[in-house]
Amino acid sequence: MLTRWCSLVVVLLVSNSAFGKQNETDANIHYFHEGLVISPWELSLNYGKNSIDENGYASTVRNSLVLRAVEGKNGNDAIQLKWKPKDIKTEWGGIDKNILTATLTNTGGFIDLSSVKENAAIALDIMVLSPPKELVDWTIESEWNWKQRASFPLKNVLKKLPKKEWITVPIPLKCFDGGSVNFSKITSIMQLSTEGKMEIVLGDIRLSALPEGIGC
C-alpha cells in the first residue's frame, strides 16, 4: 500500500509525471482508479491547501476533515474520509466550508461531457462507515470558476446504504443541469463536503453509462 501511495503523492505533486497506469487510463473517464489519481486530476483537501504526505495522510485544521489511505475494494487502495467539524468560522462569521471539502480537480485542462450528460453518470465505489448527520453535497465545476458549479444532494442516498459494504453509486450528470455548469469544460469532477459528522471510504471514481431507471 505504501508504494502505491508514494506513487499517488508524486502524481499529485507533479501533474506530468508518468506513474502506474495513468498513461494507459483515459483521464476523461477515470479520475481515481485502482488506488491512483489519474493525471492531470489532483486530489486535495481544502482546495489544495492541505497536502497528502508519504503515508497517504492529510487533514485540515483541527482534524475537521481527515484523509488516509486504506485497503479498498478488490485489494486496491482507497481513501477514507472522516468529517468531524470543529465549528471553525470564516472571517465573515459563517462556517468555513472549504476545510470540509475534498476535491478532484483537473490541473492541466478540462473534459467535455456535453455530449453524454443525458446518458452518463459519475460512478463511485463507496463504503459508508458512519452515515451523515447533515446535508452532503457532491459538486462539479467548470472553467475553474466557483460561479460555475452545480451540486447533487447525497445525504439521503448515503443514509440508505448498508454500513461497511461496498456499493457502486451512480450520480446522473443530468442531475447537475440545474446549476451554471458548462458541461463542455468540466474542471472539477468532485467537490465533496458536509458540515456534520460522516465517515466513508471511496474507491474508484469514474464516468459510466447511466443505468436504466436511475433518476434525480
Protein backbone atom coordinates (compact mmCIF):
# COMPACT_ATOMS: atom_id res chain seq x y z
CA MET A 1 0.00 0.00 0.00
CA LEU A 2 2.76 2.45 0.88
CA THR A 3 4.41 2.03 -2.53
CA ARG A 4 1.14 2.79 -4.30
CA TRP A 5 0.52 5.81 -2.16
CA CYS A 6 4.04 7.13 -2.71
CA SER A 7 3.14 6.96 -6.39
CA LEU A 8 -0.11 8.76 -5.61
CA VAL A 9 1.70 11.61 -3.86
CA VAL A 10 4.08 12.02 -6.80
CA VAL A 11 1.10 12.13 -9.17
CA LEU A 12 -0.49 14.82 -7.01
CA LEU A 13 2.62 16.99 -6.88
CA VAL A 14 3.88 16.55 -10.44
CA SER A 15 0.99 16.55 -12.87
CA ASN A 16 3.10 15.49 -15.86
CA SER A 17 4.70 12.56 -14.05
CA ALA A 18 4.27 9.08 -15.60
CA PHE A 19 3.34 6.63 -12.84
CA GLY A 20 1.37 3.41 -12.54
CA LYS A 21 -1.45 3.14 -15.04
CA GLN A 22 -2.10 6.80 -15.61
CA ASN A 23 -0.72 6.76 -19.17
CA GLU A 24 -2.85 3.71 -20.00
CA THR A 25 -6.03 5.10 -18.48
CA ASP A 26 -8.34 7.63 -20.11
CA ALA A 27 -8.48 10.69 -17.83
CA ASN A 28 -11.76 11.71 -19.48
CA ILE A 29 -13.41 8.63 -17.97
CA HIS A 30 -11.32 7.59 -14.95
CA TYR A 31 -10.43 10.06 -12.21
CA PHE A 32 -9.42 7.87 -9.27
CA HIS A 33 -8.63 4.34 -10.44
CA GLU A 34 -7.19 1.31 -8.62
CA GLY A 35 -5.65 3.47 -5.90
CA LEU A 36 -4.16 6.12 -8.18
CA VAL A 37 -5.28 9.59 -9.10
CA ILE A 38 -5.20 9.77 -12.89
CA SER A 39 -3.08 12.69 -14.14
CA PRO A 40 -3.87 15.54 -14.66
CA TRP A 41 -6.52 15.12 -11.94
CA GLU A 42 -5.46 16.17 -8.44
CA LEU A 43 -6.90 15.00 -5.14
CA SER A 44 -6.79 17.53 -2.30
CA LEU A 45 -8.41 18.82 0.86
CA ASN A 46 -9.33 22.46 1.36
CA TYR A 47 -8.85 23.12 -2.37
CA GLY A 48 -5.17 22.15 -2.35
CA LYS A 49 -4.15 23.88 0.87
CA ASN A 50 -3.65 20.63 2.80
CA SER A 51 -1.16 18.22 1.21
CA ILE A 52 -1.07 14.43 1.36
CA ASP A 53 2.08 13.05 3.00
CA GLU A 54 4.15 9.99 2.08
CA ASN A 55 1.93 7.76 4.20
CA GLY A 56 -1.23 8.81 2.36
CA TYR A 57 -2.49 11.12 5.10
CA ALA A 58 -3.86 14.65 5.09
CA SER A 59 -6.00 16.73 7.42
CA THR A 60 -7.48 20.19 7.65
CA VAL A 61 -7.34 22.49 10.66
CA ARG A 62 -8.03 20.70 13.97
CA ASN A 63 -8.73 17.48 12.03
CA SER A 64 -12.06 18.81 10.81
CA LEU A 65 -11.58 16.59 7.73
CA VAL A 66 -9.07 13.74 7.67
CA LEU A 67 -7.99 11.68 4.63
CA ARG A 68 -6.00 8.47 4.93
CA ALA A 69 -5.01 5.59 2.67
CA VAL A 70 -6.76 2.30 3.40
CA GLU A 71 -7.22 -1.04 1.69
CA GLY A 72 -10.24 -0.88 -0.55
CA LYS A 73 -12.34 -2.95 -2.90
CA ASN A 74 -10.72 -5.98 -4.59
CA GLY A 75 -7.41 -5.30 -2.81
CA ASN A 76 -6.91 -1.89 -4.43
CA ASP A 77 -6.10 1.17 -2.37
CA ALA A 78 -8.85 3.58 -1.40
CA ILE A 79 -9.27 6.81 0.55
CA GLN A 80 -11.01 7.06 3.88
CA LEU A 81 -12.58 10.44 4.60
CA LYS A 82 -13.71 11.39 8.08
CA TRP A 83 -15.56 14.60 8.83
CA LYS A 84 -15.58 15.87 12.41
CA PRO A 85 -16.30 19.60 12.13
CA LYS A 86 -14.99 21.91 14.85
CA ASP A 87 -17.28 24.89 14.10
CA ILE A 88 -14.45 26.91 12.55
CA LYS A 89 -15.68 30.19 11.12
CA THR A 90 -14.68 32.28 8.13
CA GLU A 91 -13.71 35.92 8.55
CA TRP A 92 -17.34 36.78 7.80
CA GLY A 93 -18.66 34.61 10.63
CA GLY A 94 -20.04 31.66 8.65
CA ILE A 95 -18.91 28.01 8.73
CA ASP A 96 -15.65 27.55 6.81
CA LYS A 97 -16.89 25.01 4.27
CA ASN A 98 -13.56 24.94 2.43
CA ILE A 99 -11.88 22.96 5.22
CA LEU A 100 -14.73 20.45 4.98
CA THR A 101 -14.26 19.80 1.25
CA ALA A 102 -12.37 17.07 -0.63
CA THR A 103 -11.82 17.71 -4.33
CA LEU A 104 -10.75 16.08 -7.58
CA THR A 105 -9.67 18.89 -9.89
CA ASN A 106 -8.15 18.87 -13.36
CA THR A 107 -4.82 20.70 -13.19
CA GLY A 108 -3.99 20.52 -16.88
CA GLY A 109 -7.17 21.35 -18.79
CA PHE A 110 -10.80 20.32 -18.91
CA ILE A 111 -13.00 17.50 -20.15
CA ASP A 112 -16.01 17.82 -22.42
CA LEU A 113 -19.05 15.93 -21.11
CA SER A 114 -21.66 17.91 -23.02
CA SER A 115 -22.45 15.11 -25.47
CA VAL A 116 -23.07 12.50 -22.75
CA LYS A 117 -24.74 14.47 -19.97
CA GLU A 118 -28.15 12.88 -20.65
CA ASN A 119 -26.97 9.26 -20.58
CA ALA A 120 -23.88 9.13 -18.34
CA ALA A 121 -23.20 9.20 -14.62
CA ILE A 122 -20.36 9.76 -12.20
CA ALA A 123 -19.98 6.32 -10.64
CA LEU A 124 -18.31 5.99 -7.26
CA ASP A 125 -17.43 2.88 -5.32
CA ILE A 126 -18.24 3.77 -1.73
CA MET A 127 -18.43 2.23 1.71
CA VAL A 128 -20.29 4.08 4.45
CA LEU A 129 -18.72 3.69 7.89
CA SER A 130 -20.72 6.40 9.65
CA PRO A 131 -23.71 7.95 7.82
CA PRO A 132 -24.07 11.72 7.51
CA LYS A 133 -25.69 13.89 10.15
CA GLU A 134 -26.10 16.94 7.91
CA LEU A 135 -26.56 17.69 4.22
CA VAL A 136 -23.92 16.24 1.89
CA ASP A 137 -23.10 17.90 -1.43
CA TRP A 138 -21.30 16.39 -4.43
CA THR A 139 -20.44 19.40 -6.58
CA ILE A 140 -18.92 19.70 -10.04
CA GLU A 141 -17.35 22.84 -11.50
CA SER A 142 -16.40 24.18 -14.92
CA GLU A 143 -13.62 26.51 -16.05
CA TRP A 144 -12.10 26.62 -12.51
CA ASN A 145 -14.81 29.14 -11.72
CA TRP A 146 -16.70 28.96 -8.40
CA LYS A 147 -19.63 30.70 -10.13
CA GLN A 148 -19.97 27.72 -12.49
CA ARG A 149 -20.95 24.98 -10.04
CA ALA A 150 -23.86 22.60 -9.56
CA SER A 151 -24.47 20.18 -6.69
CA PHE A 152 -26.21 16.88 -6.09
CA PRO A 153 -27.54 16.13 -2.55
CA LEU A 154 -26.16 12.82 -1.26
CA LYS A 155 -27.38 12.69 2.34
CA ASN A 156 -30.49 10.58 1.73
CA VAL A 157 -28.62 8.24 -0.62
CA LEU A 158 -25.82 7.60 1.87
CA LYS A 159 -28.16 7.15 4.83
CA LYS A 160 -29.97 4.34 2.99
CA LEU A 161 -26.81 2.40 2.13
CA PRO A 162 -25.84 -0.59 4.28
CA LYS A 163 -22.89 0.12 6.55
CA LYS A 164 -19.46 -1.33 5.84
CA GLU A 165 -20.41 -2.74 2.43
CA TRP A 166 -19.04 -1.69 -0.93
CA ILE A 167 -21.72 -0.18 -3.15
CA THR A 168 -21.44 1.50 -6.55
CA VAL A 169 -23.47 4.71 -6.58
CA PRO A 170 -24.21 6.44 -9.91
CA ILE A 171 -24.85 10.20 -9.91
CA PRO A 172 -26.51 11.13 -13.23
CA LEU A 173 -24.83 14.05 -14.97
CA LYS A 174 -28.25 15.41 -15.88
CA CYS A 175 -28.92 15.94 -12.17
CA PHE A 176 -26.34 18.75 -12.21
CA ASP A 177 -28.12 20.53 -15.05
CA GLY A 178 -29.90 22.99 -12.76
CA GLY A 179 -26.71 24.92 -12.00
CA SER A 180 -24.49 27.17 -14.07
CA VAL A 181 -22.06 24.47 -15.22
CA ASN A 182 -20.55 24.49 -18.70
CA PHE A 183 -20.51 20.75 -19.44
CA SER A 184 -18.08 21.25 -22.30
CA LYS A 185 -15.38 22.48 -19.91
CA ILE A 186 -15.56 20.46 -16.69
CA THR A 187 -12.55 21.13 -14.45
CA SER A 188 -13.65 19.63 -11.12
CA ILE A 189 -15.42 16.28 -11.06
CA MET A 190 -15.75 16.17 -7.26
CA GLN A 191 -16.13 18.72 -4.51
CA LEU A 192 -17.47 16.60 -1.65
CA SER A 193 -18.49 18.33 1.56
CA THR A 194 -20.70 18.18 4.63
CA GLU A 195 -20.97 20.35 7.73
CA GLY A 196 -21.72 17.41 10.03
CA LYS A 197 -20.04 14.18 11.09
CA MET A 198 -19.57 11.50 8.43
CA GLU A 199 -17.07 8.75 7.63
CA ILE A 200 -16.80 7.00 4.27
CA VAL A 201 -14.31 5.10 2.10
CA LEU A 202 -14.05 5.95 -1.60
CA GLY A 203 -12.69 3.60 -4.24
CA ASP A 204 -12.82 4.15 -8.00
CA ILE A 205 -14.43 7.36 -9.26
CA ARG A 206 -15.25 7.26 -12.96
CA LEU A 207 -17.71 8.04 -15.72
CA SER A 208 -20.15 5.28 -16.59
CA ALA A 209 -23.26 4.66 -18.63
CA LEU A 210 -26.39 5.70 -16.75
CA PRO A 211 -28.23 2.58 -15.53
CA GLU A 212 -31.88 2.26 -16.59
CA GLY A 213 -34.42 3.60 -14.12
CA ILE A 214 -31.98 5.93 -12.31
CA GLY A 215 -33.27 9.47 -11.99
CA CYS A 216 -32.59 12.55 -9.93
